[in-house]
Amino acid sequence: MRGIEPVSAAPDQLRRAFGCFPSGVTAVCARSDGEPVGIAASSFTSVSMRPPLVSVCIQHTSTTWPKLRAQPRLGLSVLAEGQDGICARLASKGGDRFAGTDWFASDDGSVFVHGATLWLDCTIHDEVTCGDHDIVLLRIHGLSAAPDTSPLVFHASRFRRLAGI
């Protein structure tokens, strides 16, 4: 066993440690003033069956979250293998985040990424401030799943593939 290190103030130590846990990657998107707006979030998890809830964690420094928070509905797309370019654009600080992305919107303004493995139509149920992020609980109102489509996996700061068995 390795020795346990004290946690330092440097974020790189925790980023490297948290990177040991693989995660899927989601796109949280909506229409704002008729245009698609979205962010990438890898801190996604199921929370509750009754009521149907999931969560994402959003960094306080996000300039996109205030635009999304103001929308009546949010589309959450669990990105699929091969959609790493979409993820990178949604995570970027500038440029057209939807350039080259095939997307569609619901009548309520949720925006979804074509080809994803799961789509959830959501509203904000609650937000909890925690450290440098907000834990956002999203209530699911509708969904469409493609379980045979492999998800995009993020591990150790790289995109990975699931091994076929």
N, C-alpha and C. Protein backbone atom coordinates (compact mmCIF):
# COMPACT_ATOMS: atom_id res chain seq x y z
N MET A 1 0.85 -1.18 0.00
CA MET A 1 0.00 0.00 0.00
C MET A 1 0.88 1.23 0.00
N ARG A 2 0.45 2.22 -0.72
CA ARG A 2 1.14 3.50 -0.75
C ARG A 2 0.76 4.30 0.49
N GLY A 3 1.62 5.24 0.83
CA GLY A 3 1.31 6.12 1.95
C GLY A 3 0.23 7.12 1.56
N ILE A 4 -0.55 7.53 2.51
CA ILE A 4 -1.59 8.53 2.30
C ILE A 4 -0.97 9.91 2.45
N GLU A 5 -1.14 10.74 1.42
CA GLU A 5 -0.58 12.09 1.42
C GLU A 5 -1.60 13.08 1.96
N PRO A 6 -1.15 14.09 2.69
CA PRO A 6 -2.07 15.16 3.07
C PRO A 6 -2.55 15.89 1.81
N VAL A 7 -3.77 16.36 1.84
CA VAL A 7 -4.31 17.10 0.70
C VAL A 7 -3.71 18.50 0.73
N SER A 8 -3.15 18.90 -0.39
CA SER A 8 -2.53 20.22 -0.48
C SER A 8 -3.53 21.23 -1.03
N ALA A 9 -3.14 22.47 -1.04
CA ALA A 9 -3.98 23.54 -1.57
C ALA A 9 -3.98 23.54 -3.10
N ALA A 10 -3.02 22.85 -3.70
CA ALA A 10 -2.90 22.82 -5.17
C ALA A 10 -4.01 21.95 -5.77
N PRO A 11 -4.80 22.49 -6.69
CA PRO A 11 -5.90 21.70 -7.26
C PRO A 11 -5.44 20.53 -8.11
N ASP A 12 -4.19 20.55 -8.61
CA ASP A 12 -3.71 19.46 -9.47
C ASP A 12 -3.71 18.11 -8.75
N GLN A 13 -3.39 18.11 -7.46
CA GLN A 13 -3.35 16.86 -6.70
C GLN A 13 -4.74 16.22 -6.68
N LEU A 14 -5.77 17.00 -6.34
CA LEU A 14 -7.13 16.46 -6.32
C LEU A 14 -7.64 16.12 -7.71
N ARG A 15 -7.32 16.94 -8.70
CA ARG A 15 -7.76 16.66 -10.08
C ARG A 15 -7.21 15.31 -10.52
N ARG A 16 -5.94 15.06 -10.24
CA ARG A 16 -5.31 13.78 -10.60
C ARG A 16 -5.98 12.64 -9.83
N ALA A 17 -6.26 12.85 -8.55
CA ALA A 17 -6.90 11.81 -7.75
C ALA A 17 -8.32 11.53 -8.25
N PHE A 18 -9.12 12.57 -8.46
CA PHE A 18 -10.49 12.38 -8.94
C PHE A 18 -10.51 11.73 -10.31
N GLY A 19 -9.45 11.94 -11.11
CA GLY A 19 -9.34 11.34 -12.43
C GLY A 19 -9.18 9.83 -12.41
N CYS A 20 -8.92 9.26 -11.23
CA CYS A 20 -8.80 7.81 -11.11
C CYS A 20 -10.15 7.12 -11.22
N PHE A 21 -11.21 7.88 -11.07
CA PHE A 21 -12.56 7.33 -11.17
C PHE A 21 -13.12 7.65 -12.55
N PRO A 22 -13.40 6.65 -13.38
CA PRO A 22 -13.95 6.93 -14.71
C PRO A 22 -15.38 7.45 -14.61
N SER A 23 -15.74 8.32 -15.52
CA SER A 23 -17.10 8.85 -15.54
C SER A 23 -17.58 9.01 -16.97
N GLY A 24 -18.89 9.04 -17.09
CA GLY A 24 -19.47 9.41 -18.37
C GLY A 24 -19.42 10.92 -18.49
N VAL A 25 -19.79 11.41 -19.65
CA VAL A 25 -19.79 12.85 -19.87
C VAL A 25 -21.16 13.25 -20.41
N THR A 26 -21.70 14.31 -19.84
CA THR A 26 -23.01 14.79 -20.26
C THR A 26 -22.91 16.17 -20.89
N ALA A 27 -23.88 16.48 -21.70
CA ALA A 27 -24.07 17.83 -22.23
C ALA A 27 -25.37 18.33 -21.62
N VAL A 28 -25.30 19.46 -20.93
CA VAL A 28 -26.49 20.08 -20.34
C VAL A 28 -26.78 21.31 -21.19
N CYS A 29 -27.94 21.30 -21.88
CA CYS A 29 -28.18 22.32 -22.90
C CYS A 29 -29.63 22.79 -22.93
N ALA A 30 -29.81 24.00 -23.43
CA ALA A 30 -31.15 24.58 -23.61
C ALA A 30 -31.05 25.67 -24.67
N ARG A 31 -32.21 26.15 -25.07
CA ARG A 31 -32.26 27.32 -25.95
C ARG A 31 -32.37 28.56 -25.09
N SER A 32 -31.58 29.55 -25.43
CA SER A 32 -31.64 30.85 -24.78
C SER A 32 -31.68 31.89 -25.88
N ASP A 33 -32.73 32.68 -25.90
CA ASP A 33 -32.94 33.65 -26.99
C ASP A 33 -32.86 32.98 -28.36
N GLY A 34 -33.41 31.76 -28.45
CA GLY A 34 -33.48 31.05 -29.71
C GLY A 34 -32.21 30.31 -30.11
N GLU A 35 -31.12 30.49 -29.38
CA GLU A 35 -29.85 29.85 -29.71
C GLU A 35 -29.51 28.76 -28.70
N PRO A 36 -28.82 27.69 -29.16
CA PRO A 36 -28.44 26.65 -28.20
C PRO A 36 -27.32 27.14 -27.29
N VAL A 37 -27.43 26.79 -26.02
CA VAL A 37 -26.43 27.10 -25.01
C VAL A 37 -26.17 25.81 -24.26
N GLY A 38 -24.91 25.52 -23.96
CA GLY A 38 -24.65 24.28 -23.25
C GLY A 38 -23.29 24.20 -22.62
N ILE A 39 -23.17 23.23 -21.72
CA ILE A 39 -21.91 22.94 -21.04
C ILE A 39 -21.72 21.43 -20.97
N ALA A 40 -20.47 21.02 -20.79
CA ALA A 40 -20.15 19.62 -20.54
C ALA A 40 -20.03 19.42 -19.03
N ALA A 41 -20.54 18.30 -18.54
CA ALA A 41 -20.44 17.98 -17.12
C ALA A 41 -20.16 16.49 -16.96
N SER A 42 -19.06 16.16 -16.30
CA SER A 42 -18.74 14.75 -16.07
C SER A 42 -19.15 14.30 -14.67
N SER A 43 -19.55 15.23 -13.85
CA SER A 43 -19.98 14.88 -12.50
C SER A 43 -21.49 14.66 -12.48
N PHE A 44 -21.92 13.62 -13.15
CA PHE A 44 -23.34 13.28 -13.32
C PHE A 44 -23.61 11.97 -12.59
N THR A 45 -24.74 11.90 -11.90
CA THR A 45 -25.12 10.65 -11.27
C THR A 45 -26.63 10.57 -11.08
N SER A 46 -27.14 9.35 -11.04
CA SER A 46 -28.54 9.15 -10.69
C SER A 46 -28.69 9.40 -9.20
N VAL A 47 -29.86 9.92 -8.79
CA VAL A 47 -30.08 10.26 -7.39
C VAL A 47 -31.28 9.52 -6.83
N SER A 48 -32.43 9.56 -7.51
CA SER A 48 -33.66 9.03 -6.95
C SER A 48 -34.58 8.53 -8.05
N MET A 49 -35.32 7.47 -7.73
CA MET A 49 -36.34 6.96 -8.65
C MET A 49 -37.67 7.67 -8.41
N ARG A 50 -37.96 7.99 -7.14
CA ARG A 50 -39.20 8.67 -6.77
C ARG A 50 -38.90 9.79 -5.82
N PRO A 51 -38.90 11.02 -6.22
CA PRO A 51 -39.14 11.48 -7.59
C PRO A 51 -37.93 11.17 -8.47
N PRO A 52 -38.12 11.17 -9.79
CA PRO A 52 -37.01 10.86 -10.70
C PRO A 52 -36.01 12.03 -10.74
N LEU A 53 -34.83 11.81 -10.13
CA LEU A 53 -33.83 12.87 -10.02
C LEU A 53 -32.45 12.38 -10.43
N VAL A 54 -31.69 13.26 -11.06
CA VAL A 54 -30.27 13.09 -11.33
C VAL A 54 -29.56 14.34 -10.83
N SER A 55 -28.23 14.29 -10.78
CA SER A 55 -27.49 15.48 -10.37
C SER A 55 -26.30 15.72 -11.29
N VAL A 56 -25.93 16.97 -11.39
CA VAL A 56 -24.68 17.40 -12.01
C VAL A 56 -24.06 18.44 -11.08
N CYS A 57 -22.76 18.58 -11.16
CA CYS A 57 -22.08 19.60 -10.36
C CYS A 57 -21.54 20.66 -11.31
N ILE A 58 -21.81 21.91 -10.98
CA ILE A 58 -21.44 23.04 -11.84
C ILE A 58 -20.52 23.97 -11.07
N GLN A 59 -19.38 24.27 -11.66
CA GLN A 59 -18.41 25.16 -11.03
C GLN A 59 -18.97 26.58 -10.93
N HIS A 60 -18.70 27.24 -9.81
CA HIS A 60 -19.20 28.61 -9.59
C HIS A 60 -18.71 29.59 -10.64
N THR A 61 -17.57 29.34 -11.25
CA THR A 61 -17.02 30.27 -12.23
C THR A 61 -17.66 30.14 -13.62
N SER A 62 -18.57 29.18 -13.80
CA SER A 62 -19.22 29.01 -15.10
C SER A 62 -19.99 30.27 -15.48
N THR A 63 -19.73 30.76 -16.67
CA THR A 63 -20.49 31.91 -17.19
C THR A 63 -21.70 31.45 -17.99
N THR A 64 -21.76 30.16 -18.31
CA THR A 64 -22.87 29.60 -19.08
C THR A 64 -24.00 29.15 -18.16
N TRP A 65 -23.67 28.66 -16.97
CA TRP A 65 -24.71 28.16 -16.07
C TRP A 65 -25.79 29.19 -15.77
N PRO A 66 -25.47 30.46 -15.52
CA PRO A 66 -26.56 31.42 -15.27
C PRO A 66 -27.57 31.50 -16.43
N LYS A 67 -27.10 31.35 -17.66
CA LYS A 67 -28.01 31.35 -18.82
C LYS A 67 -28.87 30.10 -18.82
N LEU A 68 -28.27 28.95 -18.52
CA LEU A 68 -29.03 27.70 -18.48
C LEU A 68 -30.01 27.68 -17.33
N ARG A 69 -29.59 28.16 -16.18
CA ARG A 69 -30.43 28.17 -14.97
C ARG A 69 -31.73 28.94 -15.21
N ALA A 70 -31.69 29.94 -16.06
CA ALA A 70 -32.85 30.79 -16.31
C ALA A 70 -33.88 30.15 -17.25
N GLN A 71 -33.56 29.00 -17.85
CA GLN A 71 -34.45 28.38 -18.83
C GLN A 71 -35.46 27.45 -18.13
N PRO A 72 -36.65 27.33 -18.70
CA PRO A 72 -37.68 26.48 -18.07
C PRO A 72 -37.36 24.98 -18.14
N ARG A 73 -36.65 24.55 -19.16
CA ARG A 73 -36.29 23.14 -19.32
C ARG A 73 -34.84 23.03 -19.74
N LEU A 74 -34.21 21.93 -19.31
CA LEU A 74 -32.83 21.63 -19.68
C LEU A 74 -32.79 20.24 -20.29
N GLY A 75 -32.03 20.11 -21.35
CA GLY A 75 -31.80 18.81 -21.96
C GLY A 75 -30.46 18.28 -21.49
N LEU A 76 -30.46 17.04 -21.02
CA LEU A 76 -29.22 16.41 -20.60
C LEU A 76 -28.98 15.24 -21.54
N SER A 77 -27.87 15.27 -22.25
CA SER A 77 -27.50 14.20 -23.17
C SER A 77 -26.27 13.49 -22.62
N VAL A 78 -26.35 12.17 -22.41
CA VAL A 78 -25.17 11.40 -22.03
C VAL A 78 -24.45 11.10 -23.34
N LEU A 79 -23.28 11.71 -23.50
CA LEU A 79 -22.57 11.63 -24.78
C LEU A 79 -22.09 10.21 -25.06
N ALA A 80 -22.00 9.89 -26.35
CA ALA A 80 -21.63 8.56 -26.81
C ALA A 80 -20.16 8.51 -27.22
N GLU A 81 -19.65 7.29 -27.25
CA GLU A 81 -18.29 7.07 -27.73
C GLU A 81 -18.11 7.78 -29.07
N GLY A 82 -17.01 8.47 -29.24
CA GLY A 82 -16.76 9.19 -30.48
C GLY A 82 -17.23 10.63 -30.45
N GLN A 83 -17.94 11.05 -29.41
CA GLN A 83 -18.41 12.43 -29.32
C GLN A 83 -17.48 13.30 -28.47
N ASP A 84 -16.19 12.91 -28.41
CA ASP A 84 -15.24 13.67 -27.62
C ASP A 84 -15.03 15.08 -28.17
N GLY A 85 -15.14 15.28 -29.46
CA GLY A 85 -15.03 16.63 -30.03
C GLY A 85 -16.16 17.53 -29.56
N ILE A 86 -17.37 16.98 -29.47
CA ILE A 86 -18.52 17.73 -28.96
C ILE A 86 -18.26 18.11 -27.51
N CYS A 87 -17.77 17.16 -26.73
CA CYS A 87 -17.47 17.42 -25.33
C CYS A 87 -16.43 18.54 -25.20
N ALA A 88 -15.38 18.47 -25.98
CA ALA A 88 -14.32 19.48 -25.91
C ALA A 88 -14.86 20.87 -26.25
N ARG A 89 -15.72 20.96 -27.27
CA ARG A 89 -16.29 22.27 -27.63
C ARG A 89 -17.20 22.79 -26.52
N LEU A 90 -18.03 21.91 -25.94
CA LEU A 90 -18.92 22.34 -24.87
C LEU A 90 -18.16 22.75 -23.61
N ALA A 91 -16.97 22.20 -23.42
CA ALA A 91 -16.15 22.53 -22.25
C ALA A 91 -15.28 23.76 -22.49
N SER A 92 -15.20 24.23 -23.74
CA SER A 92 -14.31 25.35 -24.06
C SER A 92 -14.86 26.67 -23.52
N LYS A 93 -13.97 27.62 -23.39
CA LYS A 93 -14.34 28.94 -22.87
C LYS A 93 -14.78 29.89 -23.98
N GLY A 94 -14.49 29.57 -25.22
CA GLY A 94 -14.85 30.48 -26.31
C GLY A 94 -15.22 29.74 -27.57
N GLY A 95 -15.54 30.50 -28.60
CA GLY A 95 -15.90 29.92 -29.88
C GLY A 95 -17.34 29.42 -29.89
N ASP A 96 -17.72 28.86 -31.02
CA ASP A 96 -19.07 28.33 -31.20
C ASP A 96 -19.11 26.92 -30.63
N ARG A 97 -19.71 26.76 -29.47
CA ARG A 97 -19.74 25.46 -28.80
C ARG A 97 -20.57 24.42 -29.54
N PHE A 98 -21.42 24.85 -30.47
CA PHE A 98 -22.27 23.91 -31.19
C PHE A 98 -21.83 23.73 -32.65
N ALA A 99 -20.68 24.28 -33.02
CA ALA A 99 -20.17 24.12 -34.39
C ALA A 99 -19.96 22.63 -34.67
N GLY A 100 -20.53 22.14 -35.75
CA GLY A 100 -20.36 20.75 -36.13
C GLY A 100 -21.15 19.76 -35.29
N THR A 101 -22.01 20.25 -34.42
CA THR A 101 -22.80 19.37 -33.56
C THR A 101 -24.22 19.26 -34.10
N ASP A 102 -24.67 18.05 -34.31
CA ASP A 102 -26.04 17.81 -34.75
C ASP A 102 -26.91 17.75 -33.49
N TRP A 103 -27.84 18.68 -33.35
CA TRP A 103 -28.66 18.77 -32.15
C TRP A 103 -30.11 19.00 -32.53
N PHE A 104 -30.99 18.76 -31.55
CA PHE A 104 -32.41 19.03 -31.74
C PHE A 104 -32.96 19.59 -30.44
N ALA A 105 -34.09 20.30 -30.55
CA ALA A 105 -34.69 20.94 -29.37
C ALA A 105 -36.13 20.47 -29.20
N SER A 106 -36.57 20.42 -27.95
CA SER A 106 -37.96 20.12 -27.65
C SER A 106 -38.77 21.41 -27.76
N ASP A 107 -40.08 21.29 -27.75
CA ASP A 107 -40.94 22.48 -27.78
C ASP A 107 -40.74 23.35 -26.54
N ASP A 108 -40.30 22.74 -25.43
CA ASP A 108 -40.08 23.48 -24.18
C ASP A 108 -38.71 24.13 -24.10
N GLY A 109 -37.85 23.91 -25.11
CA GLY A 109 -36.54 24.57 -25.13
C GLY A 109 -35.36 23.72 -24.71
N SER A 110 -35.58 22.46 -24.31
CA SER A 110 -34.47 21.56 -24.01
C SER A 110 -33.71 21.28 -25.30
N VAL A 111 -32.40 21.25 -25.23
CA VAL A 111 -31.57 20.94 -26.39
C VAL A 111 -30.85 19.63 -26.13
N PHE A 112 -30.86 18.75 -27.14
CA PHE A 112 -30.26 17.43 -27.04
C PHE A 112 -29.27 17.20 -28.17
N VAL A 113 -28.24 16.41 -27.92
CA VAL A 113 -27.22 16.08 -28.90
C VAL A 113 -27.61 14.78 -29.59
N HIS A 114 -27.73 14.82 -30.93
CA HIS A 114 -28.01 13.60 -31.71
C HIS A 114 -26.89 12.59 -31.48
N GLY A 115 -27.24 11.32 -31.46
CA GLY A 115 -26.25 10.26 -31.36
C GLY A 115 -25.84 9.93 -29.94
N ALA A 116 -26.38 10.65 -28.94
CA ALA A 116 -26.04 10.35 -27.55
C ALA A 116 -26.66 9.02 -27.14
N THR A 117 -26.26 8.50 -25.98
CA THR A 117 -26.80 7.24 -25.51
C THR A 117 -28.04 7.41 -24.62
N LEU A 118 -28.23 8.61 -24.09
CA LEU A 118 -29.39 8.88 -23.24
C LEU A 118 -29.73 10.36 -23.33
N TRP A 119 -31.04 10.64 -23.36
CA TRP A 119 -31.53 12.02 -23.34
C TRP A 119 -32.52 12.14 -22.21
N LEU A 120 -32.34 13.16 -21.37
CA LEU A 120 -33.26 13.43 -20.27
C LEU A 120 -33.78 14.85 -20.39
N ASP A 121 -35.09 15.01 -20.35
CA ASP A 121 -35.73 16.32 -20.37
C ASP A 121 -36.00 16.70 -18.92
N CYS A 122 -35.40 17.78 -18.45
CA CYS A 122 -35.37 18.08 -17.01
C CYS A 122 -35.75 19.52 -16.67
N THR A 123 -36.10 19.69 -15.40
CA THR A 123 -36.20 21.01 -14.78
C THR A 123 -35.32 20.99 -13.54
N ILE A 124 -34.94 22.16 -13.08
CA ILE A 124 -34.14 22.24 -11.86
C ILE A 124 -35.05 21.97 -10.67
N HIS A 125 -34.68 20.99 -9.87
CA HIS A 125 -35.43 20.61 -8.67
C HIS A 125 -34.88 21.36 -7.45
N ASP A 126 -33.53 21.47 -7.38
CA ASP A 126 -32.89 22.15 -6.25
C ASP A 126 -31.43 22.37 -6.59
N GLU A 127 -30.81 23.32 -5.91
CA GLU A 127 -29.38 23.57 -6.02
C GLU A 127 -28.80 23.68 -4.63
N VAL A 128 -27.66 23.04 -4.43
CA VAL A 128 -26.99 23.06 -3.13
C VAL A 128 -25.58 23.59 -3.36
N THR A 129 -25.24 24.69 -2.70
CA THR A 129 -23.89 25.23 -2.80
C THR A 129 -22.98 24.37 -1.94
N CYS A 130 -21.88 23.92 -2.56
CA CYS A 130 -20.96 23.02 -1.86
C CYS A 130 -19.55 23.29 -2.37
N GLY A 131 -18.72 23.93 -1.54
CA GLY A 131 -17.36 24.24 -1.97
C GLY A 131 -17.36 25.18 -3.15
N ASP A 132 -16.58 24.86 -4.18
CA ASP A 132 -16.47 25.72 -5.36
C ASP A 132 -17.45 25.32 -6.47
N HIS A 133 -18.41 24.45 -6.15
CA HIS A 133 -19.42 23.99 -7.11
C HIS A 133 -20.82 24.10 -6.52
N ASP A 134 -21.81 24.02 -7.38
CA ASP A 134 -23.19 23.84 -6.96
C ASP A 134 -23.59 22.43 -7.39
N ILE A 135 -24.22 21.70 -6.48
CA ILE A 135 -24.80 20.41 -6.83
C ILE A 135 -26.22 20.73 -7.30
N VAL A 136 -26.49 20.43 -8.56
CA VAL A 136 -27.78 20.75 -9.16
C VAL A 136 -28.58 19.47 -9.32
N LEU A 137 -29.71 19.41 -8.63
CA LEU A 137 -30.61 18.28 -8.75
C LEU A 137 -31.61 18.58 -9.86
N LEU A 138 -31.70 17.68 -10.81
CA LEU A 138 -32.59 17.85 -11.96
C LEU A 138 -33.70 16.81 -11.90
N ARG A 139 -34.93 17.29 -12.04
CA ARG A 139 -36.09 16.39 -12.08
C ARG A 139 -36.33 15.98 -13.53
N ILE A 140 -36.47 14.69 -13.75
CA ILE A 140 -36.65 14.14 -15.10
C ILE A 140 -38.14 14.13 -15.44
N HIS A 141 -38.48 14.72 -16.59
CA HIS A 141 -39.87 14.74 -17.06
C HIS A 141 -40.08 13.82 -18.25
N GLY A 142 -39.02 13.51 -18.96
CA GLY A 142 -39.11 12.62 -20.11
C GLY A 142 -37.73 12.10 -20.45
N LEU A 143 -37.69 10.97 -21.17
CA LEU A 143 -36.39 10.41 -21.51
C LEU A 143 -36.48 9.57 -22.77
N SER A 144 -35.31 9.35 -23.35
CA SER A 144 -35.15 8.41 -24.45
C SER A 144 -33.77 7.80 -24.28
N ALA A 145 -33.71 6.47 -24.32
CA ALA A 145 -32.45 5.77 -24.06
C ALA A 145 -32.07 4.89 -25.24
N ALA A 146 -30.77 4.82 -25.50
CA ALA A 146 -30.21 3.94 -26.52
C ALA A 146 -29.12 3.09 -25.85
N PRO A 147 -29.52 2.09 -25.04
CA PRO A 147 -28.56 1.34 -24.23
C PRO A 147 -27.51 0.57 -25.02
N ASP A 148 -27.73 0.33 -26.31
CA ASP A 148 -26.74 -0.36 -27.12
C ASP A 148 -25.67 0.58 -27.66
N THR A 149 -25.83 1.88 -27.42
CA THR A 149 -24.84 2.87 -27.83
C THR A 149 -23.84 3.06 -26.70
N SER A 150 -22.56 2.82 -26.97
CA SER A 150 -21.53 2.94 -25.93
C SER A 150 -21.34 4.39 -25.52
N PRO A 151 -21.19 4.64 -24.21
CA PRO A 151 -21.01 6.00 -23.74
C PRO A 151 -19.58 6.50 -23.92
N LEU A 152 -19.43 7.80 -23.90
CA LEU A 152 -18.12 8.44 -23.86
C LEU A 152 -17.63 8.32 -22.42
N VAL A 153 -16.42 7.82 -22.23
CA VAL A 153 -15.87 7.62 -20.89
C VAL A 153 -14.66 8.52 -20.71
N PHE A 154 -14.61 9.22 -19.59
CA PHE A 154 -13.50 10.11 -19.26
C PHE A 154 -12.77 9.54 -18.04
N HIS A 155 -11.46 9.31 -18.21
CA HIS A 155 -10.65 8.73 -17.13
C HIS A 155 -9.22 9.22 -17.27
N ALA A 156 -8.66 9.69 -16.14
CA ALA A 156 -7.27 10.16 -16.11
C ALA A 156 -7.02 11.24 -17.17
N SER A 157 -7.96 12.15 -17.28
CA SER A 157 -7.88 13.30 -18.20
C SER A 157 -7.85 12.90 -19.68
N ARG A 158 -8.35 11.71 -19.98
CA ARG A 158 -8.43 11.27 -21.38
C ARG A 158 -9.76 10.57 -21.63
N PHE A 159 -10.17 10.56 -22.88
CA PHE A 159 -11.36 9.81 -23.28
C PHE A 159 -10.94 8.37 -23.51
N ARG A 160 -11.78 7.44 -23.05
CA ARG A 160 -11.48 6.01 -23.15
C ARG A 160 -12.68 5.29 -23.77
N ARG A 161 -12.46 4.03 -24.11
CA ARG A 161 -13.51 3.16 -24.62
C ARG A 161 -13.78 2.06 -23.61
N LEU A 162 -15.02 1.62 -23.54
CA LEU A 162 -15.34 0.46 -22.73
C LEU A 162 -14.83 -0.79 -23.45
N ALA A 163 -14.32 -1.72 -22.70
CA ALA A 163 -13.86 -2.99 -23.29
C ALA A 163 -15.05 -3.87 -23.57
N GLY A 164 -15.10 -4.45 -24.76
CA GLY A 164 -16.15 -5.40 -25.08
C GLY A 164 -15.82 -6.76 -24.51
N ILE A 165 -16.82 -7.42 -23.99
CA ILE A 165 -16.58 -8.76 -23.41
C ILE A 165 -17.30 -9.78 -24.24
